[in-house]
């Protein structure tokens, strides 16, 4: 259900997250503002909603990556590699209870007391996208708590918290309390 990894290089992980965030942010803007030759046709109206949905999805992923977090589906091959490594260093991978199995994981970098990367399974009803939005809502709620401990001014904290509250309100509108607005 969970794993804790100690990265060989914290800077490599951070660089990868920033690179992912840039790619995802670019995908969000390109998707939202791409030109369609048939944009004015009535039959293409639904496609515009799909595009905006994916722009939001890419943007949310970019925000998570900027803080060293993500929600990712780990395939059998990736889990096998992690389990093999855990077995090599005598830290798991030897029994079904001590193996990571394929599925959707919340991945989070934490630096206190030392740098670790936490992988936690995301369980619940719904498909990968629904689980992602639940994970993103959890991320926003954690971020609100983390803002309180930042060294920025109180005005900046209030402004940041207000922006997060706006996002939470959008995700939880119309009784979607878990954030799965899809």
Protein backbone atom coordinates (compact mmCIF):
# COMPACT_ATOMS: atom_id res chain seq x y z
CA UNK A 1 0.00 0.00 0.00
CA UNK A 2 2.95 2.37 0.45
CA UNK A 3 6.69 2.67 -0.03
CA UNK A 4 9.33 5.10 1.10
CA UNK A 5 12.24 5.80 -1.23
CA UNK A 6 15.48 7.57 -0.42
CA UNK A 7 16.57 9.31 -3.63
CA UNK A 8 20.21 9.10 -4.63
CA UNK A 9 20.04 12.68 -5.82
CA UNK A 10 17.45 15.09 -4.49
CA UNK A 11 18.37 17.62 -7.17
CA UNK A 12 17.68 15.10 -9.97
CA UNK A 13 14.19 14.50 -8.56
CA UNK A 14 13.53 18.22 -8.21
CA UNK A 15 14.82 18.87 -11.75
CA UNK A 16 12.55 16.12 -13.09
CA UNK A 17 9.54 17.63 -11.29
CA UNK A 18 10.25 21.11 -12.65
CA UNK A 19 10.73 19.71 -16.15
CA UNK A 20 7.43 17.80 -15.87
CA UNK A 21 5.69 20.94 -14.58
CA UNK A 22 6.91 22.96 -17.58
CA UNK A 23 5.79 20.29 -20.04
CA UNK A 24 2.39 19.92 -18.36
CA UNK A 25 1.84 23.68 -18.11
CA UNK A 26 2.69 24.04 -21.80
CA UNK A 27 0.27 21.21 -22.62
CA UNK A 28 -2.43 22.97 -20.58
CA UNK A 29 -2.02 26.27 -22.46
CA UNK A 30 -1.66 24.64 -25.86
CA UNK A 31 -4.74 22.50 -25.29
CA UNK A 32 -6.87 25.39 -24.01
CA UNK A 33 -5.90 27.81 -26.75
CA UNK A 34 -5.40 25.56 -29.76
CA UNK A 35 -7.15 26.67 -32.92
CA UNK A 36 -9.73 24.41 -34.51
CA UNK A 37 -10.81 24.91 -38.07
CA UNK A 38 -14.25 23.57 -37.16
CA UNK A 39 -14.65 25.47 -33.90
CA UNK A 40 -17.82 27.15 -35.09
CA UNK A 41 -19.58 23.96 -36.14
CA UNK A 42 -22.26 22.84 -33.74
CA UNK A 43 -21.05 19.25 -33.70
CA UNK A 44 -17.64 20.35 -32.38
CA UNK A 45 -19.06 22.04 -29.27
CA UNK A 46 -18.57 18.96 -27.07
CA UNK A 47 -14.96 18.70 -28.20
CA UNK A 48 -14.31 22.18 -26.74
CA UNK A 49 -15.37 20.90 -23.30
CA UNK A 50 -13.05 17.91 -23.63
CA UNK A 51 -10.18 20.23 -24.51
CA UNK A 52 -10.85 22.52 -21.55
CA UNK A 53 -11.10 19.50 -19.24
CA UNK A 54 -7.68 18.26 -20.36
CA UNK A 55 -6.22 21.74 -20.04
CA UNK A 56 -7.41 21.77 -16.41
CA UNK A 57 -6.07 18.24 -15.89
CA UNK A 58 -2.62 19.17 -17.25
CA UNK A 59 -2.60 22.40 -15.24
CA UNK A 60 -3.48 20.60 -12.00
CA UNK A 61 -0.72 18.07 -12.66
CA UNK A 62 1.75 20.93 -13.26
CA UNK A 63 0.84 22.54 -9.92
CA UNK A 64 1.40 19.27 -8.09
CA UNK A 65 4.76 18.69 -9.80
CA UNK A 66 5.99 22.12 -8.74
CA UNK A 67 5.76 20.98 -5.12
CA UNK A 68 7.40 17.59 -5.73
CA UNK A 69 4.11 15.72 -5.77
CA UNK A 70 2.18 13.80 -8.36
CA UNK A 71 -0.51 11.25 -8.88
CA UNK A 72 0.75 8.50 -11.14
CA UNK A 73 -0.39 5.15 -12.40
CA UNK A 74 2.43 2.63 -11.84
CA UNK A 75 2.43 -0.22 -14.34
CA UNK A 76 3.46 -3.80 -13.61
CA UNK A 77 6.95 -3.24 -15.11
CA UNK A 78 7.61 -0.21 -12.89
CA UNK A 79 6.38 -2.03 -9.79
CA UNK A 80 8.55 -5.05 -10.66
CA UNK A 81 11.63 -2.79 -10.90
CA UNK A 82 10.87 -1.16 -7.54
CA UNK A 83 10.24 -4.56 -5.93
CA UNK A 84 13.45 -5.97 -7.41
CA UNK A 85 15.47 -3.08 -6.03
CA UNK A 86 13.77 -3.35 -2.62
CA UNK A 87 14.66 -7.05 -2.57
CA UNK A 88 18.30 -6.30 -3.47
CA UNK A 89 18.67 -3.91 -0.54
CA UNK A 90 16.65 -6.14 1.83
CA UNK A 91 13.90 -3.55 2.24
CA UNK A 92 10.91 -5.44 0.86
CA UNK A 93 9.87 -7.04 -2.37
CA UNK A 94 10.07 -10.51 -0.85
CA UNK A 95 6.43 -11.27 0.04
CA UNK A 96 3.08 -10.13 -1.39
CA UNK A 97 2.57 -7.87 1.63
CA UNK A 98 5.95 -6.20 1.05
CA UNK A 99 5.60 -5.68 -2.70
CA UNK A 100 4.21 -2.73 -4.56
CA UNK A 101 1.45 -3.72 -6.93
CA UNK A 102 0.28 -1.87 -10.05
CA UNK A 103 -2.18 0.94 -9.48
CA UNK A 104 -2.62 4.64 -8.87
CA UNK A 105 -0.18 6.20 -6.40
CA UNK A 106 0.21 9.56 -4.75
CA UNK A 107 3.90 10.43 -4.83
CA UNK A 108 5.28 13.09 -2.54
CA UNK A 109 8.73 14.45 -1.78
CA UNK A 110 9.29 15.26 1.88
CA UNK A 111 12.46 16.82 3.24
CA UNK A 112 11.94 16.51 7.00
CA UNK A 113 13.91 15.05 8.77
CA UNK A 114 15.68 13.75 5.66
CA UNK A 115 14.77 13.62 1.99
CA UNK A 116 12.34 10.82 1.22
CA UNK A 117 9.86 10.11 -1.54
CA UNK A 118 6.60 8.59 -0.34
CA UNK A 119 4.41 6.42 -2.56
CA UNK A 120 0.90 5.79 -1.23
CA UNK A 121 -1.83 3.92 -3.04
CA UNK A 122 -4.94 5.84 -3.87
CA UNK A 123 -7.92 3.66 -3.32
CA UNK A 124 -11.53 4.39 -3.84
CA UNK A 125 -14.27 4.25 -6.38
CA UNK A 126 -13.96 5.57 -9.86
CA UNK A 127 -11.43 5.51 -12.64
CA UNK A 128 -7.99 7.04 -12.88
CA UNK A 129 -9.27 10.56 -13.60
CA UNK A 130 -11.71 10.56 -10.69
CA UNK A 131 -8.95 9.33 -8.38
CA UNK A 132 -6.63 12.03 -9.72
CA UNK A 133 -9.08 14.81 -8.83
CA UNK A 134 -9.52 13.36 -5.34
CA UNK A 135 -5.72 13.37 -5.00
CA UNK A 136 -5.54 16.94 -6.31
CA UNK A 137 -8.13 18.11 -3.77
CA UNK A 138 -6.08 16.47 -1.00
CA UNK A 139 -3.01 18.27 -2.37
CA UNK A 140 -4.81 21.63 -2.24
CA UNK A 141 -5.94 21.04 1.34
CA UNK A 142 -2.37 20.10 2.36
CA UNK A 143 -1.03 23.15 0.56
CA UNK A 144 -3.36 25.41 2.55
CA UNK A 145 -1.90 23.99 5.77
CA UNK A 146 1.66 24.38 4.52
CA UNK A 147 1.12 28.05 3.63
CA UNK A 148 0.61 28.83 7.32
CA UNK A 149 4.22 27.80 8.02
CA UNK A 150 5.81 29.79 5.21
CA UNK A 151 7.99 32.84 5.79
CA UNK A 152 6.12 35.10 3.36
CA UNK A 153 4.05 38.07 4.52
CA UNK A 154 0.57 37.63 5.93
CA UNK A 155 -0.87 39.43 2.87
CA UNK A 156 0.80 36.87 0.58
CA UNK A 157 -0.46 34.01 2.75
CA UNK A 158 -4.01 35.36 2.60
CA UNK A 159 -3.82 35.82 -1.18
CA UNK A 160 -2.45 32.30 -1.71
CA UNK A 161 -5.04 30.77 0.60
CA UNK A 162 -7.79 32.66 -1.23
CA UNK A 163 -6.63 31.27 -4.58
CA UNK A 164 -6.55 27.74 -3.18
CA UNK A 165 -10.01 28.19 -1.68
CA UNK A 166 -11.27 29.29 -5.12
CA UNK A 167 -9.88 26.12 -6.70
CA UNK A 168 -11.38 23.98 -3.94
CA UNK A 169 -14.76 25.66 -4.45
CA UNK A 170 -14.63 24.82 -8.16
CA UNK A 171 -13.66 21.20 -7.51
CA UNK A 172 -16.33 20.67 -4.86
CA UNK A 173 -19.23 22.46 -6.55
CA UNK A 174 -22.58 20.77 -6.96
CA UNK A 175 -22.03 18.34 -4.06
CA UNK A 176 -18.78 16.87 -5.41
CA UNK A 177 -17.26 16.91 -1.92
CA UNK A 178 -14.34 14.63 -2.85
CA UNK A 179 -13.23 16.86 -5.73
CA UNK A 180 -14.11 14.34 -8.43
CA UNK A 181 -15.97 16.81 -10.63
CA UNK A 182 -15.46 14.75 -13.80
